[in-house]
């Protein structure tokens, strides 16, 4: 959702941006801009990989995003390696 309460979308992007058959990985996806971007790219047709440190918040966002998978972890941690 954007600040006006409308659904986020990339359909107004130049050239009618389509992300069909694309995979987008979003870090910090458990809240705020990360969650909004996840919803927008999913609506544009992408499969989405969501990453964040907080499993509970990440799973709440994933439940609202079509074609979403989750990877819990901190991407700043050198030991973080999405599978």
Protein backbone atom coordinates (compact mmCIF):
# COMPACT_ATOMS: atom_id res chain seq x y z
CA UNK A 1 0.00 0.00 0.00
CA UNK A 2 1.19 3.50 -0.64
CA UNK A 3 0.60 6.47 1.64
CA UNK A 4 -2.79 7.17 0.06
CA UNK A 5 -4.07 3.70 0.91
CA UNK A 6 -3.93 2.49 -2.69
CA UNK A 7 -2.28 -0.73 -3.78
CA UNK A 8 1.30 -0.37 -4.92
CA UNK A 9 1.85 -1.13 -8.58
CA UNK A 10 4.50 -0.85 -11.25
CA UNK A 11 1.97 -0.76 -14.08
CA UNK A 12 2.40 3.02 -14.42
CA UNK A 13 6.14 2.66 -15.00
CA UNK A 14 7.57 3.73 -18.37
CA UNK A 15 7.03 1.02 -20.93
CA UNK A 16 4.50 -0.79 -18.68
CA UNK A 17 7.18 -2.63 -16.69
CA UNK A 18 6.44 -6.33 -16.62
CA UNK A 19 8.26 -8.64 -14.27
CA UNK A 20 6.58 -11.81 -15.47
CA UNK A 21 8.91 -14.83 -15.37
CA UNK A 22 11.39 -12.85 -13.24
CA UNK A 23 12.55 -13.50 -9.69
CA UNK A 24 13.09 -10.48 -7.42
CA UNK A 25 14.89 -10.76 -4.09
CA UNK A 26 13.98 -8.12 -1.53
CA UNK A 27 15.96 -7.58 1.65
CA UNK A 28 14.36 -5.98 4.69
CA UNK A 29 11.02 -7.29 3.48
CA UNK A 30 9.38 -7.69 6.89
CA UNK A 31 8.11 -4.10 7.09
CA UNK A 32 8.02 -0.63 5.57
CA UNK A 33 9.42 -0.08 2.10
CA UNK A 34 10.61 -3.67 1.76
CA UNK A 35 7.10 -5.00 2.34
CA UNK A 36 5.61 -2.41 -0.04
CA UNK A 37 8.14 -3.25 -2.76
CA UNK A 38 7.39 -6.95 -2.32
CA UNK A 39 3.71 -6.34 -2.94
CA UNK A 40 4.41 -4.09 -5.94
CA UNK A 41 6.77 -6.44 -7.75
CA UNK A 42 4.47 -9.39 -7.10
CA UNK A 43 1.59 -7.42 -8.62
CA UNK A 44 3.83 -6.73 -11.62
CA UNK A 45 4.14 -10.49 -12.11
CA UNK A 46 7.42 -11.42 -10.42
CA UNK A 47 8.09 -14.35 -8.16
CA UNK A 48 9.46 -12.87 -4.95
CA UNK A 49 12.13 -14.01 -2.48
CA UNK A 50 11.73 -12.12 0.78
CA UNK A 51 14.54 -11.83 3.29
CA UNK A 52 14.59 -10.34 6.78
CA UNK A 53 15.86 -11.14 10.25
CA UNK A 54 12.45 -11.51 11.94
CA UNK A 55 10.69 -14.72 10.91
CA UNK A 56 7.26 -13.81 12.33
CA UNK A 57 7.06 -10.45 10.57
CA UNK A 58 8.47 -11.90 7.34
CA UNK A 59 5.89 -14.69 7.27
CA UNK A 60 3.07 -12.15 7.78
CA UNK A 61 4.23 -10.22 4.73
CA UNK A 62 4.71 -13.41 2.69
CA UNK A 63 1.14 -14.46 3.44
CA UNK A 64 -0.04 -11.31 1.63
CA UNK A 65 2.30 -11.55 -1.37
CA UNK A 66 1.60 -13.86 -4.29
CA UNK A 67 4.46 -16.08 -5.44
CA UNK A 68 6.60 -15.39 -2.35
CA UNK A 69 9.28 -17.50 -0.69
CA UNK A 70 11.09 -16.51 2.48
CA UNK A 71 14.68 -16.72 3.69
CA UNK A 72 15.26 -15.65 7.29
CA UNK A 73 18.63 -14.12 8.03
CA UNK A 74 20.79 -11.03 8.06
CA UNK A 75 22.31 -10.30 4.65
CA UNK A 76 25.03 -8.25 6.37
CA UNK A 77 26.24 -11.41 8.12
CA UNK A 78 29.00 -13.13 6.08
CA UNK A 79 27.54 -16.51 7.13
CA UNK A 80 24.19 -15.67 5.48
CA UNK A 81 23.76 -17.72 2.35
CA UNK A 82 20.22 -18.07 0.93
CA UNK A 83 19.46 -21.53 -0.29
